[in-house]
């Protein structure tokens, strides 16, 4: 391989870049059996200072909902014992496509531990933390004052409920509803 060909060359993971006598391994590459190989799908770059071949990754890093990460989701179906939600924001970043998460009745505030339908309703936007990802099921928790519903819709007329002195009230039809709402209710920017 000539030096000219190596610079700005697109490579696949495991692809041979050079022999170790020519160049050292750099960021995004590794050494195996006397050869420097690509670790990433990317573009090669020569680091003249270190005399090393580096590979700059060209694919996006996945933004996965891992344990302990805060997510924003829209509630889908809600039963007395659990709810399905569509996660559309992970750690402050919008994602597409969405992930599906589950909230169990044990993962909400104690006052709502008898009926999950009192804590949240279909269509509500919630803020939660990922509690468990075992078996590829994303289990969320709304335990804590910073977690819960951040936007709720009136079950009578569909208007957005407003927080008036600790009560969620519909400005259109004046209906008052209960939810487990977060302390940031109505203040989070979910548009961008």
C-alpha atoms as a PDB file:
ATOM      1  CA  UNK A   1       0.000   0.000   0.000  1.00  0.00           C
ATOM      2  CA  UNK A   2       1.314   3.407  -0.828  1.00  0.00           C
ATOM      3  CA  UNK A   3       1.137   6.379   1.509  1.00  0.00           C
ATOM      4  CA  UNK A   4      -0.976   8.357  -0.973  1.00  0.00           C
ATOM      5  CA  UNK A   5      -3.726   5.712  -1.120  1.00  0.00           C
ATOM      6  CA  UNK A   6      -4.010   5.471   2.673  1.00  0.00           C
ATOM      7  CA  UNK A   7      -4.879   9.076   3.328  1.00  0.00           C
ATOM      8  CA  UNK A   8      -8.644   9.809   3.136  1.00  0.00           C
ATOM      9  CA  UNK A   9      -9.534   6.197   2.334  1.00  0.00           C
ATOM     10  CA  UNK A  10     -12.892   4.762   3.421  1.00  0.00           C
ATOM     11  CA  UNK A  11     -12.441   1.502   5.338  1.00  0.00           C
ATOM     12  CA  UNK A  12     -14.521  -1.224   6.971  1.00  0.00           C
ATOM     13  CA  UNK A  13     -13.976  -2.774  10.433  1.00  0.00           C
ATOM     14  CA  UNK A  14     -11.153  -5.333  10.320  1.00  0.00           C
ATOM     15  CA  UNK A  15      -9.761  -4.051   7.039  1.00  0.00           C
ATOM     16  CA  UNK A  16      -5.961  -4.160   6.701  1.00  0.00           C
ATOM     17  CA  UNK A  17      -4.428  -0.680   6.709  1.00  0.00           C
ATOM     18  CA  UNK A  18      -0.658  -1.307   6.871  1.00  0.00           C
ATOM     19  CA  UNK A  19       2.037  -3.511   8.345  1.00  0.00           C
ATOM     20  CA  UNK A  20       3.278  -2.539  11.803  1.00  0.00           C
ATOM     21  CA  UNK A  21       6.751  -1.703  10.428  1.00  0.00           C
ATOM     22  CA  UNK A  22       5.216   1.101   8.303  1.00  0.00           C
ATOM     23  CA  UNK A  23       2.796   2.665  10.790  1.00  0.00           C
ATOM     24  CA  UNK A  24       1.625   2.347  14.397  1.00  0.00           C
ATOM     25  CA  UNK A  25      -1.959   1.816  15.426  1.00  0.00           C
ATOM     26  CA  UNK A  26      -3.845   5.003  16.263  1.00  0.00           C
ATOM     27  CA  UNK A  27      -7.296   5.967  17.463  1.00  0.00           C
ATOM     28  CA  UNK A  28      -9.912   3.801  15.710  1.00  0.00           C
ATOM     29  CA  UNK A  29      -7.412   1.127  14.672  1.00  0.00           C
ATOM     30  CA  UNK A  30      -5.797  -1.903  16.286  1.00  0.00           C
ATOM     31  CA  UNK A  31      -2.791  -4.185  15.826  1.00  0.00           C
ATOM     32  CA  UNK A  32      -3.137  -7.904  15.101  1.00  0.00           C
ATOM     33  CA  UNK A  33      -0.515 -10.356  13.789  1.00  0.00           C
ATOM     34  CA  UNK A  34       1.833  -7.568  12.680  1.00  0.00           C
ATOM     35  CA  UNK A  35      -0.875  -5.661  10.820  1.00  0.00           C
ATOM     36  CA  UNK A  36      -2.697  -2.411  11.600  1.00  0.00           C
ATOM     37  CA  UNK A  37      -6.445  -2.887  11.038  1.00  0.00           C
ATOM     38  CA  UNK A  38      -9.488  -0.639  11.162  1.00  0.00           C
ATOM     39  CA  UNK A  39     -11.696  -0.777  14.273  1.00  0.00           C
ATOM     40  CA  UNK A  40     -14.447   1.377  12.777  1.00  0.00           C
ATOM     41  CA  UNK A  41     -16.386   1.999   9.606  1.00  0.00           C
ATOM     42  CA  UNK A  42     -14.740   5.257   8.686  1.00  0.00           C
ATOM     43  CA  UNK A  43     -12.066   7.268   6.977  1.00  0.00           C
ATOM     44  CA  UNK A  44      -8.318   6.817   7.505  1.00  0.00           C
ATOM     45  CA  UNK A  45      -6.093   9.637   8.612  1.00  0.00           C
ATOM     46  CA  UNK A  46      -2.332   9.721   9.087  1.00  0.00           C
ATOM     47  CA  UNK A  47      -1.039  11.157  12.364  1.00  0.00           C
ATOM     48  CA  UNK A  48       2.431  12.278  11.291  1.00  0.00           C
ATOM     49  CA  UNK A  49       3.596  13.093  14.858  1.00  0.00           C
ATOM     50  CA  UNK A  50       2.981   9.575  16.133  1.00  0.00           C
ATOM     51  CA  UNK A  51       3.462   7.945  12.727  1.00  0.00           C
ATOM     52  CA  UNK A  52       0.118   6.240  13.304  1.00  0.00           C
ATOM     53  CA  UNK A  53      -2.932   5.415  11.213  1.00  0.00           C
ATOM     54  CA  UNK A  54      -6.194   6.607  12.719  1.00  0.00           C
ATOM     55  CA  UNK A  55      -9.739   5.875  11.606  1.00  0.00           C
ATOM     56  CA  UNK A  56     -12.368   8.564  12.063  1.00  0.00           C
ATOM     57  CA  UNK A  57     -15.767   6.980  12.613  1.00  0.00           C
ATOM     58  CA  UNK A  58     -18.409   7.999  10.048  1.00  0.00           C
ATOM     59  CA  UNK A  59     -21.450   6.349  11.614  1.00  0.00           C
ATOM     60  CA  UNK A  60     -23.560   7.952  14.322  1.00  0.00           C
ATOM     61  CA  UNK A  61     -23.242   6.863  17.933  1.00  0.00           C
ATOM     62  CA  UNK A  62     -26.476   5.284  19.131  1.00  0.00           C
ATOM     63  CA  UNK A  63     -28.348   7.078  21.885  1.00  0.00           C
ATOM     64  CA  UNK A  64     -29.794   4.151  23.828  1.00  0.00           C
ATOM     65  CA  UNK A  65     -31.950   4.296  26.942  1.00  0.00           C
ATOM     66  CA  UNK A  66     -29.564   2.704  29.453  1.00  0.00           C
ATOM     67  CA  UNK A  67     -30.110   2.256  33.197  1.00  0.00           C
ATOM     68  CA  UNK A  68     -30.034   5.550  35.091  1.00  0.00           C
ATOM     69  CA  UNK A  69     -30.698   7.734  32.026  1.00  0.00           C
ATOM     70  CA  UNK A  70     -33.572  10.261  32.104  1.00  0.00           C
ATOM     71  CA  UNK A  71     -36.129   9.894  29.297  1.00  0.00           C
ATOM     72  CA  UNK A  72     -39.185  11.765  28.032  1.00  0.00           C
ATOM     73  CA  UNK A  73     -42.013   9.611  26.680  1.00  0.00           C
ATOM     74  CA  UNK A  74     -45.630   9.705  25.595  1.00  0.00           C
ATOM     75  CA  UNK A  75     -48.014   7.358  27.345  1.00  0.00           C
ATOM     76  CA  UNK A  76     -49.805   4.820  25.158  1.00  0.00           C
ATOM     77  CA  UNK A  77     -52.001   2.202  26.801  1.00  0.00           C
ATOM     78  CA  UNK A  78     -52.549   2.370  30.562  1.00  0.00           C
ATOM     79  CA  UNK A  79     -54.015  -0.389  32.720  1.00  0.00           C
ATOM     80  CA  UNK A  80     -54.387  -0.638  36.496  1.00  0.00           C
ATOM     81  CA  UNK A  81     -51.033  -2.471  36.827  1.00  0.00           C
ATOM     82  CA  UNK A  82     -48.781  -1.117  34.025  1.00  0.00           C
ATOM     83  CA  UNK A  83     -48.456   1.319  31.156  1.00  0.00           C
ATOM     84  CA  UNK A  84     -46.744   1.251  27.772  1.00  0.00           C
ATOM     85  CA  UNK A  85     -44.929   4.406  26.683  1.00  0.00           C
ATOM     86  CA  UNK A  86     -43.118   5.594  23.547  1.00  0.00           C
ATOM     87  CA  UNK A  87     -39.716   7.048  24.491  1.00  0.00           C
ATOM     88  CA  UNK A  88     -38.855   9.922  22.150  1.00  0.00           C
ATOM     89  CA  UNK A  89     -36.119  11.747  24.090  1.00  0.00           C
ATOM     90  CA  UNK A  90     -33.109  10.083  25.758  1.00  0.00           C
ATOM     91  CA  UNK A  91     -30.777  12.087  27.994  1.00  0.00           C
ATOM     92  CA  UNK A  92     -32.054  15.364  26.517  1.00  0.00           C
ATOM     93  CA  UNK A  93     -31.653  14.300  22.872  1.00  0.00           C
ATOM     94  CA  UNK A  94     -34.517  13.562  20.493  1.00  0.00           C
ATOM     95  CA  UNK A  95     -34.425  10.072  18.987  1.00  0.00           C
ATOM     96  CA  UNK A  96     -36.087   8.450  16.008  1.00  0.00           C
ATOM     97  CA  UNK A  97     -37.466   5.859  15.844  1.00  0.00           C
ATOM     98  CA  UNK A  98     -38.881   5.715  19.354  1.00  0.00           C
ATOM     99  CA  UNK A  99     -38.323   2.961  21.925  1.00  0.00           C
ATOM    100  CA  UNK A 100     -41.115   1.283  23.857  1.00  0.00           C
ATOM    101  CA  UNK A 101     -40.930   1.352  27.636  1.00  0.00           C
ATOM    102  CA  UNK A 102     -42.995  -0.062  30.491  1.00  0.00           C
ATOM    103  CA  UNK A 103     -43.983   1.527  33.786  1.00  0.00           C
ATOM    104  CA  UNK A 104     -45.138  -0.894  36.461  1.00  0.00           C
ATOM    105  CA  UNK A 105     -47.441   0.146  39.294  1.00  0.00           C
ATOM    106  CA  UNK A 106     -44.555  -0.347  41.766  1.00  0.00           C
ATOM    107  CA  UNK A 107     -42.550   2.373  39.986  1.00  0.00           C
ATOM    108  CA  UNK A 108     -44.855   5.314  40.765  1.00  0.00           C
ATOM    109  CA  UNK A 109     -45.480   7.338  43.933  1.00  0.00           C
ATOM    110  CA  UNK A 110     -47.016   5.439  46.856  1.00  0.00           C
ATOM    111  CA  UNK A 111     -50.293   7.421  46.727  1.00  0.00           C
ATOM    112  CA  UNK A 112     -50.951   5.977  43.231  1.00  0.00           C
ATOM    113  CA  UNK A 113     -49.913   2.397  44.080  1.00  0.00           C
ATOM    114  CA  UNK A 114     -53.461   1.014  43.895  1.00  0.00           C
ATOM    115  CA  UNK A 115     -54.406   2.229  40.416  1.00  0.00           C
ATOM    116  CA  UNK A 116     -51.873   3.344  37.806  1.00  0.00           C
ATOM    117  CA  UNK A 117     -54.667   4.983  35.780  1.00  0.00           C
ATOM    118  CA  UNK A 118     -54.781   7.697  38.477  1.00  0.00           C
ATOM    119  CA  UNK A 119     -51.049   8.498  38.051  1.00  0.00           C
ATOM    120  CA  UNK A 120     -51.035   8.882  34.273  1.00  0.00           C
ATOM    121  CA  UNK A 121     -53.376   8.589  31.309  1.00  0.00           C
ATOM    122  CA  UNK A 122     -53.041   7.788  27.639  1.00  0.00           C
ATOM    123  CA  UNK A 123     -51.475  10.684  25.725  1.00  0.00           C
ATOM    124  CA  UNK A 124     -49.687  12.233  28.725  1.00  0.00           C
ATOM    125  CA  UNK A 125     -46.048  13.255  28.303  1.00  0.00           C
ATOM    126  CA  UNK A 126     -43.881  11.937  31.140  1.00  0.00           C
ATOM    127  CA  UNK A 127     -40.368  12.325  32.489  1.00  0.00           C
ATOM    128  CA  UNK A 128     -38.919   9.105  33.926  1.00  0.00           C
ATOM    129  CA  UNK A 129     -35.652   7.333  34.629  1.00  0.00           C
ATOM    130  CA  UNK A 130     -34.654   3.978  33.120  1.00  0.00           C
ATOM    131  CA  UNK A 131     -34.713   1.518  36.020  1.00  0.00           C
ATOM    132  CA  UNK A 132     -33.985  -1.742  34.212  1.00  0.00           C
ATOM    133  CA  UNK A 133     -33.147  -2.966  30.700  1.00  0.00           C
ATOM    134  CA  UNK A 134     -32.891  -6.715  31.297  1.00  0.00           C
ATOM    135  CA  UNK A 135     -34.417  -8.988  28.659  1.00  0.00           C
ATOM    136  CA  UNK A 136     -34.478  -6.003  26.258  1.00  0.00           C
ATOM    137  CA  UNK A 137     -37.495  -4.548  28.096  1.00  0.00           C
ATOM    138  CA  UNK A 138     -37.036  -0.910  29.074  1.00  0.00           C
ATOM    139  CA  UNK A 139     -38.577  -0.550  32.522  1.00  0.00           C
ATOM    140  CA  UNK A 140     -39.065   3.046  33.666  1.00  0.00           C
ATOM    141  CA  UNK A 141     -39.554   4.546  37.111  1.00  0.00           C
ATOM    142  CA  UNK A 142     -41.416   7.715  38.071  1.00  0.00           C
ATOM    143  CA  UNK A 143     -40.391   7.542  41.736  1.00  0.00           C
ATOM    144  CA  UNK A 144     -39.153  10.935  42.910  1.00  0.00           C
ATOM    145  CA  UNK A 145     -40.409  14.530  42.667  1.00  0.00           C
ATOM    146  CA  UNK A 146     -38.482  15.259  39.445  1.00  0.00           C
ATOM    147  CA  UNK A 147     -40.285  12.413  37.619  1.00  0.00           C
ATOM    148  CA  UNK A 148     -43.881  12.085  36.528  1.00  0.00           C
ATOM    149  CA  UNK A 149     -46.269  13.709  34.075  1.00  0.00           C
ATOM    150  CA  UNK A 150     -44.911  16.935  32.543  1.00  0.00           C
ATOM    151  CA  UNK A 151     -47.863  17.598  30.190  1.00  0.00           C
ATOM    152  CA  UNK A 152     -51.344  16.152  30.621  1.00  0.00           C
ATOM    153  CA  UNK A 153     -54.482  16.365  28.519  1.00  0.00           C
ATOM    154  CA  UNK A 154     -58.032  16.811  29.800  1.00  0.00           C
ATOM    155  CA  UNK A 155     -59.949  13.546  29.514  1.00  0.00           C
ATOM    156  CA  UNK A 156     -63.150  15.486  28.740  1.00  0.00           C
ATOM    157  CA  UNK A 157     -62.199  18.108  26.118  1.00  0.00           C
ATOM    158  CA  UNK A 158     -58.547  17.332  25.260  1.00  0.00           C
ATOM    159  CA  UNK A 159     -57.109  20.682  26.405  1.00  0.00           C
ATOM    160  CA  UNK A 160     -53.697  20.844  28.094  1.00  0.00           C
ATOM    161  CA  UNK A 161     -54.120  20.843  31.868  1.00  0.00           C
ATOM    162  CA  UNK A 162     -52.527  23.699  33.801  1.00  0.00           C
ATOM    163  CA  UNK A 163     -51.020  23.432  37.270  1.00  0.00           C
ATOM    164  CA  UNK A 164     -52.993  25.824  39.511  1.00  0.00           C
ATOM    165  CA  UNK A 165     -51.764  25.648  43.095  1.00  0.00           C
ATOM    166  CA  UNK A 166     -51.078  21.911  42.958  1.00  0.00           C
ATOM    167  CA  UNK A 167     -54.242  21.010  41.035  1.00  0.00           C
ATOM    168  CA  UNK A 168     -54.282  20.106  37.349  1.00  0.00           C
ATOM    169  CA  UNK A 169     -57.141  22.116  35.869  1.00  0.00           C
ATOM    170  CA  UNK A 170     -58.403  22.386  32.305  1.00  0.00           C
ATOM    171  CA  UNK A 171     -58.606  26.058  31.237  1.00  0.00           C
ATOM    172  CA  UNK A 172     -61.383  25.245  28.706  1.00  0.00           C
ATOM    173  CA  UNK A 173     -63.901  23.143  30.658  1.00  0.00           C
ATOM    174  CA  UNK A 174     -62.596  23.741  34.241  1.00  0.00           C
ATOM    175  CA  UNK A 175     -62.306  19.996  34.939  1.00  0.00           C
ATOM    176  CA  UNK A 176     -59.819  19.072  37.714  1.00  0.00           C
ATOM    177  CA  UNK A 177     -57.856  15.835  37.292  1.00  0.00           C
ATOM    178  CA  UNK A 178     -55.296  13.856  39.318  1.00  0.00           C
ATOM    179  CA  UNK A 179     -51.898  12.817  38.026  1.00  0.00           C
ATOM    180  CA  UNK A 180     -48.485  12.096  39.436  1.00  0.00           C
ATOM    181  CA  UNK A 181     -46.904  15.215  38.014  1.00  0.00           C
ATOM    182  CA  UNK A 182     -43.255  16.241  38.083  1.00  0.00           C
ATOM    183  CA  UNK A 183     -42.145  19.469  39.729  1.00  0.00           C
ATOM    184  CA  UNK A 184     -41.237  20.706  36.202  1.00  0.00           C
ATOM    185  CA  UNK A 185     -44.846  20.254  35.014  1.00  0.00           C
ATOM    186  CA  UNK A 186     -45.634  22.559  32.070  1.00  0.00           C
ATOM    187  CA  UNK A 187     -42.111  24.026  31.962  1.00  0.00           C
ATOM    188  CA  UNK A 188     -40.120  21.470  29.933  1.00  0.00           C
ATOM    189  CA  UNK A 189     -39.287  22.238  26.311  1.00  0.00           C
ATOM    190  CA  UNK A 190     -39.992  19.085  24.310  1.00  0.00           C
ATOM    191  CA  UNK A 191     -40.240  20.709  20.873  1.00  0.00           C
ATOM    192  CA  UNK A 192     -36.618  20.611  19.716  1.00  0.00           C
END
